[in-house]
């Protein structure tokens, strides 16, 4: 189970970087959640970056590459497709 401290830290880091992340090509959302590894949810708190499609780093311009961590908080990239308001 994740501690409230870890969740609060991830939320603070998310707020700090959210605007910059949303400016990157292919990014459609930023949140706080749990890291997924090999298709299984873990109890590691992370910043979740939602993208239209997952791309290899060599398919992205350097300024659009996503970090693996921000201020010590892991980043997990998830393909969600585009979001549309209904």
PDB file of N, CA and C in Angstrom:
ATOM      1  N   UNK A   1       0.841  -1.179   0.000  1.00  0.00           N
ATOM      2  CA  UNK A   1       0.000   0.000   0.000  1.00  0.00           C
ATOM      3  C   UNK A   1       0.887   1.244   0.000  1.00  0.00           C
ATOM      4  N   UNK A   2       0.563   2.191  -0.831  1.00  0.00           N
ATOM      5  CA  UNK A   2       1.332   3.424  -0.950  1.00  0.00           C
ATOM      6  C   UNK A   2       1.046   4.343   0.231  1.00  0.00           C
ATOM      7  N   UNK A   3       2.084   5.029   0.669  1.00  0.00           N
ATOM      8  CA  UNK A   3       1.891   5.961   1.778  1.00  0.00           C
ATOM      9  C   UNK A   3       1.293   7.267   1.269  1.00  0.00           C
ATOM     10  N   UNK A   4       0.602   7.939   2.156  1.00  0.00           N
ATOM     11  CA  UNK A   4       0.045   9.247   1.818  1.00  0.00           C
ATOM     12  C   UNK A   4       1.159  10.225   1.475  1.00  0.00           C
ATOM     13  N   UNK A   5       2.297  10.055   2.096  1.00  0.00           N
ATOM     14  CA  UNK A   5       3.454  10.911   1.830  1.00  0.00           C
ATOM     15  C   UNK A   5       3.939  10.736   0.383  1.00  0.00           C
ATOM     16  N   UNK A   6       4.010   9.497  -0.087  1.00  0.00           N
ATOM     17  CA  UNK A   6       4.450   9.230  -1.465  1.00  0.00           C
ATOM     18  C   UNK A   6       3.451   9.798  -2.472  1.00  0.00           C
ATOM     19  N   UNK A   7       2.172   9.672  -2.174  1.00  0.00           N
ATOM     20  CA  UNK A   7       1.140  10.200  -3.064  1.00  0.00           C
ATOM     21  C   UNK A   7       1.203  11.728  -3.102  1.00  0.00           C
ATOM     22  N   UNK A   8       1.350  12.347  -1.932  1.00  0.00           N
ATOM     23  CA  UNK A   8       1.425  13.809  -1.864  1.00  0.00           C
ATOM     24  C   UNK A   8       2.652  14.319  -2.612  1.00  0.00           C
ATOM     25  N   UNK A   9       3.782  13.626  -2.475  1.00  0.00           N
ATOM     26  CA  UNK A   9       4.998  14.035  -3.184  1.00  0.00           C
ATOM     27  C   UNK A   9       4.781  13.940  -4.693  1.00  0.00           C
ATOM     28  N   UNK A  10       4.191  12.844  -5.159  1.00  0.00           N
ATOM     29  CA  UNK A  10       3.932  12.670  -6.595  1.00  0.00           C
ATOM     30  C   UNK A  10       2.986  13.753  -7.104  1.00  0.00           C
ATOM     31  N   UNK A  11       1.990  14.126  -6.310  1.00  0.00           N
ATOM     32  CA  UNK A  11       1.055  15.175  -6.723  1.00  0.00           C
ATOM     33  C   UNK A  11       1.762  16.530  -6.836  1.00  0.00           C
ATOM     34  N   UNK A  12       2.678  16.798  -5.923  1.00  0.00           N
ATOM     35  CA  UNK A  12       3.433  18.054  -5.958  1.00  0.00           C
ATOM     36  C   UNK A  12       4.322  18.104  -7.197  1.00  0.00           C
ATOM     37  N   UNK A  13       5.006  17.014  -7.486  1.00  0.00           N
ATOM     38  CA  UNK A  13       5.889  16.949  -8.658  1.00  0.00           C
ATOM     39  C   UNK A  13       5.068  17.031  -9.941  1.00  0.00           C
ATOM     40  N   UNK A  14       3.940  16.362  -9.973  1.00  0.00           N
ATOM     41  CA  UNK A  14       3.040  16.432 -11.140  1.00  0.00           C
ATOM     42  C   UNK A  14       2.630  17.870 -11.408  1.00  0.00           C
ATOM     43  N   UNK A  15       2.209  18.568 -10.376  1.00  0.00           N
ATOM     44  CA  UNK A  15       1.771  19.964 -10.539  1.00  0.00           C
ATOM     45  C   UNK A  15       2.907  20.829 -11.084  1.00  0.00           C
ATOM     46  N   UNK A  16       4.124  20.552 -10.654  1.00  0.00           N
ATOM     47  CA  UNK A  16       5.291  21.323 -11.095  1.00  0.00           C
ATOM     48  C   UNK A  16       5.568  21.131 -12.587  1.00  0.00           C
ATOM     49  N   UNK A  17       5.393  19.909 -13.103  1.00  0.00           N
ATOM     50  CA  UNK A  17       5.790  19.579 -14.477  1.00  0.00           C
ATOM     51  C   UNK A  17       4.637  19.386 -15.457  1.00  0.00           C
ATOM     52  N   UNK A  18       3.412  19.398 -14.988  1.00  0.00           N
ATOM     53  CA  UNK A  18       2.272  19.059 -15.837  1.00  0.00           C
ATOM     54  C   UNK A  18       2.194  19.917 -17.103  1.00  0.00           C
ATOM     55  N   UNK A  19       2.331  21.215 -16.976  1.00  0.00           N
ATOM     56  CA  UNK A  19       2.217  22.100 -18.136  1.00  0.00           C
ATOM     57  C   UNK A  19       3.274  21.749 -19.190  1.00  0.00           C
ATOM     58  N   UNK A  20       4.501  21.523 -18.754  1.00  0.00           N
ATOM     59  CA  UNK A  20       5.577  21.173 -19.699  1.00  0.00           C
ATOM     60  C   UNK A  20       5.303  19.834 -20.378  1.00  0.00           C
ATOM     61  N   UNK A  21       4.816  18.861 -19.617  1.00  0.00           N
ATOM     62  CA  UNK A  21       4.528  17.547 -20.196  1.00  0.00           C
ATOM     63  C   UNK A  21       3.404  17.634 -21.225  1.00  0.00           C
ATOM     64  N   UNK A  22       2.378  18.414 -20.933  1.00  0.00           N
ATOM     65  CA  UNK A  22       1.244  18.526 -21.854  1.00  0.00           C
ATOM     66  C   UNK A  22       1.603  19.231 -23.153  1.00  0.00           C
ATOM     67  N   UNK A  23       2.704  19.946 -23.176  1.00  0.00           N
ATOM     68  CA  UNK A  23       3.153  20.612 -24.405  1.00  0.00           C
ATOM     69  C   UNK A  23       3.856  19.645 -25.361  1.00  0.00           C
ATOM     70  N   UNK A  24       4.217  18.485 -24.866  1.00  0.00           N
ATOM     71  CA  UNK A  24       4.936  17.521 -25.703  1.00  0.00           C
ATOM     72  C   UNK A  24       3.973  16.849 -26.681  1.00  0.00           C
ATOM     73  N   UNK A  25       4.478  16.634 -27.887  1.00  0.00           N
ATOM     74  CA  UNK A  25       3.701  15.972 -28.926  1.00  0.00           C
ATOM     75  C   UNK A  25       3.256  14.594 -28.432  1.00  0.00           C
ATOM     76  N   UNK A  26       2.029  14.251 -28.678  1.00  0.00           N
ATOM     77  CA  UNK A  26       1.485  12.936 -28.374  1.00  0.00           C
ATOM     78  C   UNK A  26       0.932  12.811 -26.947  1.00  0.00           C
ATOM     79  N   UNK A  27       1.251  13.736 -26.039  1.00  0.00           N
ATOM     80  CA  UNK A  27       0.765  13.651 -24.655  1.00  0.00           C
ATOM     81  C   UNK A  27      -0.659  14.194 -24.591  1.00  0.00           C
ATOM     82  N   UNK A  28      -1.557  13.418 -23.955  1.00  0.00           N
ATOM     83  CA  UNK A  28      -2.955  13.838 -23.834  1.00  0.00           C
ATOM     84  C   UNK A  28      -3.399  14.011 -22.385  1.00  0.00           C
ATOM     85  N   UNK A  29      -2.593  13.590 -21.432  1.00  0.00           N
ATOM     86  CA  UNK A  29      -2.981  13.732 -20.031  1.00  0.00           C
ATOM     87  C   UNK A  29      -1.843  13.407 -19.086  1.00  0.00           C
ATOM     88  N   UNK A  30      -1.954  13.929 -17.864  1.00  0.00           N
ATOM     89  CA  UNK A  30      -0.951  13.679 -16.826  1.00  0.00           C
ATOM     90  C   UNK A  30      -1.692  13.449 -15.515  1.00  0.00           C
ATOM     91  N   UNK A  31      -1.318  12.418 -14.787  1.00  0.00           N
ATOM     92  CA  UNK A  31      -1.963  12.130 -13.509  1.00  0.00           C
ATOM     93  C   UNK A  31      -1.006  11.454 -12.552  1.00  0.00           C
ATOM     94  N   UNK A  32      -1.516  11.053 -11.419  1.00  0.00           N
ATOM     95  CA  UNK A  32      -0.753  10.300 -10.424  1.00  0.00           C
ATOM     96  C   UNK A  32      -1.441   8.952 -10.277  1.00  0.00           C
ATOM     97  N   UNK A  33      -0.655   7.897 -10.268  1.00  0.00           N
ATOM     98  CA  UNK A  33      -1.227   6.558 -10.136  1.00  0.00           C
ATOM     99  C   UNK A  33      -0.172   5.571  -9.708  1.00  0.00           C
ATOM    100  N   UNK A  34      -0.356   4.329 -10.081  1.00  0.00           N
ATOM    101  CA  UNK A  34       0.581   3.269  -9.736  1.00  0.00           C
ATOM    102  C   UNK A  34       1.254   2.747 -10.990  1.00  0.00           C
ATOM    103  N   UNK A  35       2.539   2.480 -10.880  1.00  0.00           N
ATOM    104  CA  UNK A  35       3.323   1.977 -12.000  1.00  0.00           C
ATOM    105  C   UNK A  35       2.813   0.598 -12.399  1.00  0.00           C
ATOM    106  N   UNK A  36       2.816   0.373 -13.686  1.00  0.00           N
ATOM    107  CA  UNK A  36       2.465  -0.934 -14.233  1.00  0.00           C
ATOM    108  C   UNK A  36       3.753  -1.560 -14.755  1.00  0.00           C
ATOM    109  N   UNK A  37       3.980  -2.828 -14.440  1.00  0.00           N
ATOM    110  CA  UNK A  37       5.170  -3.531 -14.908  1.00  0.00           C
ATOM    111  C   UNK A  37       4.752  -4.889 -15.437  1.00  0.00           C
ATOM    112  N   UNK A  38       5.115  -5.155 -16.685  1.00  0.00           N
ATOM    113  CA  UNK A  38       4.783  -6.430 -17.334  1.00  0.00           C
ATOM    114  C   UNK A  38       3.287  -6.718 -17.253  1.00  0.00           C
ATOM    115  N   UNK A  39       2.481  -5.670 -17.423  1.00  0.00           N
ATOM    116  CA  UNK A  39       1.038  -5.842 -17.427  1.00  0.00           C
ATOM    117  C   UNK A  39       0.409  -5.962 -16.053  1.00  0.00           C
ATOM    118  N   UNK A  40       1.210  -5.866 -15.000  1.00  0.00           N
ATOM    119  CA  UNK A  40       0.702  -5.989 -13.632  1.00  0.00           C
ATOM    120  C   UNK A  40       0.861  -4.675 -12.888  1.00  0.00           C
ATOM    121  N   UNK A  41      -0.155  -4.272 -12.165  1.00  0.00           N
ATOM    122  CA  UNK A  41      -0.113  -3.075 -11.355  1.00  0.00           C
ATOM    123  C   UNK A  41       0.799  -3.333 -10.158  1.00  0.00           C
ATOM    124  N   UNK A  42       1.663  -2.368  -9.852  1.00  0.00           N
ATOM    125  CA  UNK A  42       2.521  -2.464  -8.681  1.00  0.00           C
ATOM    126  C   UNK A  42       2.009  -1.491  -7.622  1.00  0.00           C
ATOM    127  N   UNK A  43       2.674  -1.444  -6.472  1.00  0.00           N
ATOM    128  CA  UNK A  43       2.284  -0.478  -5.445  1.00  0.00           C
ATOM    129  C   UNK A  43       3.201   0.748  -5.453  1.00  0.00           C
ATOM    130  N   UNK A  44       3.966   0.923  -6.538  1.00  0.00           N
ATOM    131  CA  UNK A  44       4.869   2.059  -6.667  1.00  0.00           C
ATOM    132  C   UNK A  44       4.119   3.268  -7.227  1.00  0.00           C
ATOM    133  N   UNK A  45       4.075   4.340  -6.455  1.00  0.00           N
ATOM    134  CA  UNK A  45       3.405   5.570  -6.884  1.00  0.00           C
ATOM    135  C   UNK A  45       4.245   6.229  -7.967  1.00  0.00           C
ATOM    136  N   UNK A  46       3.578   6.724  -8.999  1.00  0.00           N
ATOM    137  CA  UNK A  46       4.297   7.350 -10.107  1.00  0.00           C
ATOM    138  C   UNK A  46       3.449   8.438 -10.743  1.00  0.00           C
ATOM    139  N   UNK A  47       4.079   9.192 -11.614  1.00  0.00           N
ATOM    140  CA  UNK A  47       3.370  10.140 -12.458  1.00  0.00           C
ATOM    141  C   UNK A  47       3.010   9.375 -13.727  1.00  0.00           C
ATOM    142  N   UNK A  48       1.729   9.357 -14.058  1.00  0.00           N
ATOM    143  CA  UNK A  48       1.256   8.640 -15.237  1.00  0.00           C
ATOM    144  C   UNK A  48       1.067   9.659 -16.359  1.00  0.00           C
ATOM    145  N   UNK A  49       1.775   9.439 -17.462  1.00  0.00           N
ATOM    146  CA  UNK A  49       1.642  10.298 -18.632  1.00  0.00           C
ATOM    147  C   UNK A  49       0.880   9.508 -19.689  1.00  0.00           C
ATOM    148  N   UNK A  50      -0.283  10.015 -20.062  1.00  0.00           N
ATOM    149  CA  UNK A  50      -1.113   9.360 -21.078  1.00  0.00           C
ATOM    150  C   UNK A  50      -0.753   9.919 -22.445  1.00  0.00           C
ATOM    151  N   UNK A  51      -0.538   9.016 -23.409  1.00  0.00           N
ATOM    152  CA  UNK A  51      -0.191   9.408 -24.774  1.00  0.00           C
ATOM    153  C   UNK A  51      -1.177   8.766 -25.746  1.00  0.00           C
ATOM    154  N   UNK A  52      -1.291   9.375 -26.929  1.00  0.00           N
ATOM    155  CA  UNK A  52      -2.178   8.803 -27.956  1.00  0.00           C
ATOM    156  C   UNK A  52      -1.722   7.389 -28.311  1.00  0.00           C
ATOM    157  N   UNK A  53      -0.431   7.268 -28.658  1.00  0.00           N
ATOM    158  CA  UNK A  53       0.186   5.972 -28.962  1.00  0.00           C
ATOM    159  C   UNK A  53       1.598   5.980 -28.388  1.00  0.00           C
ATOM    160  N   UNK A  54       2.056   4.821 -27.951  1.00  0.00           N
ATOM    161  CA  UNK A  54       3.428   4.720 -27.463  1.00  0.00           C
ATOM    162  C   UNK A  54       4.369   4.688 -28.658  1.00  0.00           C
ATOM    163  N   UNK A  55       5.385   5.525 -28.593  1.00  0.00           N
ATOM    164  CA  UNK A  55       6.386   5.589 -29.653  1.00  0.00           C
ATOM    165  C   UNK A  55       7.763   5.303 -29.070  1.00  0.00           C
ATOM    166  N   UNK A  56       8.628   4.748 -29.896  1.00  0.00           N
ATOM    167  CA  UNK A  56      10.017   4.537 -29.475  1.00  0.00           C
ATOM    168  C   UNK A  56      10.706   5.897 -29.397  1.00  0.00           C
ATOM    169  N   UNK A  57      11.709   6.038 -28.538  1.00  0.00           N
ATOM    170  CA  UNK A  57      12.419   7.322 -28.431  1.00  0.00           C
ATOM    171  C   UNK A  57      12.950   7.831 -29.769  1.00  0.00           C
ATOM    172  N   UNK A  58      13.381   6.927 -30.662  1.00  0.00           N
ATOM    173  CA  UNK A  58      13.920   7.377 -31.951  1.00  0.00           C
ATOM    174  C   UNK A  58      12.837   7.890 -32.897  1.00  0.00           C
ATOM    175  N   UNK A  59      11.558   7.733 -32.522  1.00  0.00           N
ATOM    176  CA  UNK A  59      10.452   8.244 -33.327  1.00  0.00           C
ATOM    177  C   UNK A  59      10.000   9.634 -32.869  1.00  0.00           C
ATOM    178  N   UNK A  60      10.636  10.148 -31.825  1.00  0.00           N
ATOM    179  CA  UNK A  60      10.260  11.438 -31.261  1.00  0.00           C
ATOM    180  C   UNK A  60      11.378  12.450 -31.420  1.00  0.00           C
ATOM    181  N   UNK A  61      11.012  13.713 -31.568  1.00  0.00           N
ATOM    182  CA  UNK A  61      12.001  14.785 -31.518  1.00  0.00           C
ATOM    183  C   UNK A  61      12.534  14.834 -30.084  1.00  0.00           C
ATOM    184  N   UNK A  62      13.792  15.207 -29.906  1.00  0.00           N
ATOM    185  CA  UNK A  62      14.371  15.230 -28.550  1.00  0.00           C
ATOM    186  C   UNK A  62      13.512  15.998 -27.537  1.00  0.00           C
ATOM    187  N   UNK A  63      12.917  17.106 -27.942  1.00  0.00           N
ATOM    188  CA  UNK A  63      12.116  17.900 -27.007  1.00  0.00           C
ATOM    189  C   UNK A  63      10.795  17.231 -26.644  1.00  0.00           C
ATOM    190  N   UNK A  64      10.396  16.195 -27.377  1.00  0.00           N
ATOM    191  CA  UNK A  64       9.150  15.486 -27.094  1.00  0.00           C
ATOM    192  C   UNK A  64       9.361  14.173 -26.340  1.00  0.00           C
ATOM    193  N   UNK A  65      10.606  13.805 -26.090  1.00  0.00           N
ATOM    194  CA  UNK A  65      10.893  12.585 -25.330  1.00  0.00           C
ATOM    195  C   UNK A  65      10.440  12.776 -23.883  1.00  0.00           C
ATOM    196  N   UNK A  66       9.941  11.725 -23.277  1.00  0.00           N
ATOM    197  CA  UNK A  66       9.468  11.789 -21.896  1.00  0.00           C
ATOM    198  C   UNK A  66      10.535  11.253 -20.950  1.00  0.00           C
ATOM    199  N   UNK A  67      10.670  11.869 -19.791  1.00  0.00           N
ATOM    200  CA  UNK A  67      11.660  11.409 -18.818  1.00  0.00           C
ATOM    201  C   UNK A  67      11.202  10.110 -18.154  1.00  0.00           C
ATOM    202  N   UNK A  68      12.136   9.391 -17.578  1.00  0.00           N
ATOM    203  CA  UNK A  68      11.790   8.176 -16.835  1.00  0.00           C
ATOM    204  C   UNK A  68      11.463   8.498 -15.386  1.00  0.00           C
ATOM    205  N   UNK A  69      11.876   9.692 -14.938  1.00  0.00           N
ATOM    206  CA  UNK A  69      11.550  10.152 -13.595  1.00  0.00           C
ATOM    207  C   UNK A  69      11.623  11.670 -13.558  1.00  0.00           C
ATOM    208  N   UNK A  70      10.913  12.239 -12.607  1.00  0.00           N
ATOM    209  CA  UNK A  70      10.921  13.689 -12.390  1.00  0.00           C
ATOM    210  C   UNK A  70      11.126  13.936 -10.903  1.00  0.00           C
ATOM    211  N   UNK A  71      12.191  14.605 -10.567  1.00  0.00           N
ATOM    212  CA  UNK A  71      12.509  14.894  -9.156  1.00  0.00           C
ATOM    213  C   UNK A  71      12.432  13.637  -8.291  1.00  0.00           C
ATOM    214  N   UNK A  72      12.890  12.520  -8.831  1.00  0.00           N
ATOM    215  CA  UNK A  72      12.920  11.267  -8.079  1.00  0.00           C
ATOM    216  C   UNK A  72      11.632  10.467  -8.117  1.00  0.00           C
ATOM    217  N   UNK A  73      10.585  10.993  -8.741  1.00  0.00           N
ATOM    218  CA  UNK A  73       9.312  10.259  -8.849  1.00  0.00           C
ATOM    219  C   UNK A  73       9.289   9.581 -10.212  1.00  0.00           C
ATOM    220  N   UNK A  74       9.073   8.259 -10.253  1.00  0.00           N
ATOM    221  CA  UNK A  74       9.043   7.559 -11.537  1.00  0.00           C
ATOM    222  C   UNK A  74       7.919   8.055 -12.443  1.00  0.00           C
ATOM    223  N   UNK A  75       8.154   7.950 -13.755  1.00  0.00           N
ATOM    224  CA  UNK A  75       7.157   8.306 -14.758  1.00  0.00           C
ATOM    225  C   UNK A  75       6.774   7.032 -15.502  1.00  0.00           C
ATOM    226  N   UNK A  76       5.475   6.781 -15.620  1.00  0.00           N
ATOM    227  CA  UNK A  76       4.970   5.625 -16.355  1.00  0.00           C
ATOM    228  C   UNK A  76       4.158   6.156 -17.540  1.00  0.00           C
ATOM    229  N   UNK A  77       4.488   5.711 -18.733  1.00  0.00           N
ATOM    230  CA  UNK A  77       3.804   6.176 -19.942  1.00  0.00           C
ATOM    231  C   UNK A  77       2.777   5.119 -20.356  1.00  0.00           C
ATOM    232  N   UNK A  78       1.533   5.567 -20.542  1.00  0.00           N
ATOM    233  CA  UNK A  78       0.461   4.650 -20.928  1.00  0.00           C
ATOM    234  C   UNK A  78      -0.233   5.149 -22.179  1.00  0.00           C
ATOM    235  N   UNK A  79      -0.409   4.257 -23.138  1.00  0.00           N
ATOM    236  CA  UNK A  79      -1.137   4.596 -24.376  1.00  0.00           C
ATOM    237  C   UNK A  79      -2.629   4.544 -24.057  1.00  0.00           C
ATOM    238  N   UNK A  80      -3.302   5.672 -24.269  1.00  0.00           N
ATOM    239  CA  UNK A  80      -4.737   5.745 -23.977  1.00  0.00           C
ATOM    240  C   UNK A  80      -5.563   6.157 -25.183  1.00  0.00           C
ATOM    241  N   UNK A  81      -4.895   6.600 -26.249  1.00  0.00           N
ATOM    242  CA  UNK A  81      -5.624   7.177 -27.359  1.00  0.00           C
ATOM    243  C   UNK A  81      -5.960   8.619 -27.020  1.00  0.00           C
ATOM    244  N   UNK A  82      -6.682   9.261 -27.897  1.00  0.00           N
ATOM    245  CA  UNK A  82      -7.069  10.660 -27.675  1.00  0.00           C
ATOM    246  C   UNK A  82      -8.282  10.704 -26.734  1.00  0.00           C
ATOM    247  N   UNK A  83      -8.345  11.725 -25.918  1.00  0.00           N
ATOM    248  CA  UNK A  83      -9.501  11.945 -25.058  1.00  0.00           C
ATOM    249  C   UNK A  83     -10.460  12.897 -25.764  1.00  0.00           C
ATOM    250  N   UNK A  84     -11.752  12.628 -25.675  1.00  0.00           N
ATOM    251  CA  UNK A  84     -12.758  13.522 -26.255  1.00  0.00           C
ATOM    252  C   UNK A  84     -13.851  13.770 -25.235  1.00  0.00           C
ATOM    253  N   UNK A  85     -14.259  15.018 -25.130  1.00  0.00           N
ATOM    254  CA  UNK A  85     -15.387  15.351 -24.251  1.00  0.00           C
ATOM    255  C   UNK A  85     -16.671  14.867 -24.904  1.00  0.00           C
ATOM    256  N   UNK A  86     -17.561  14.345 -24.126  1.00  0.00           N
ATOM    257  CA  UNK A  86     -18.836  13.855 -24.657  1.00  0.00           C
ATOM    258  C   UNK A  86     -19.952  14.787 -24.264  1.00  0.00           C
TER     259      UNK A  86
END
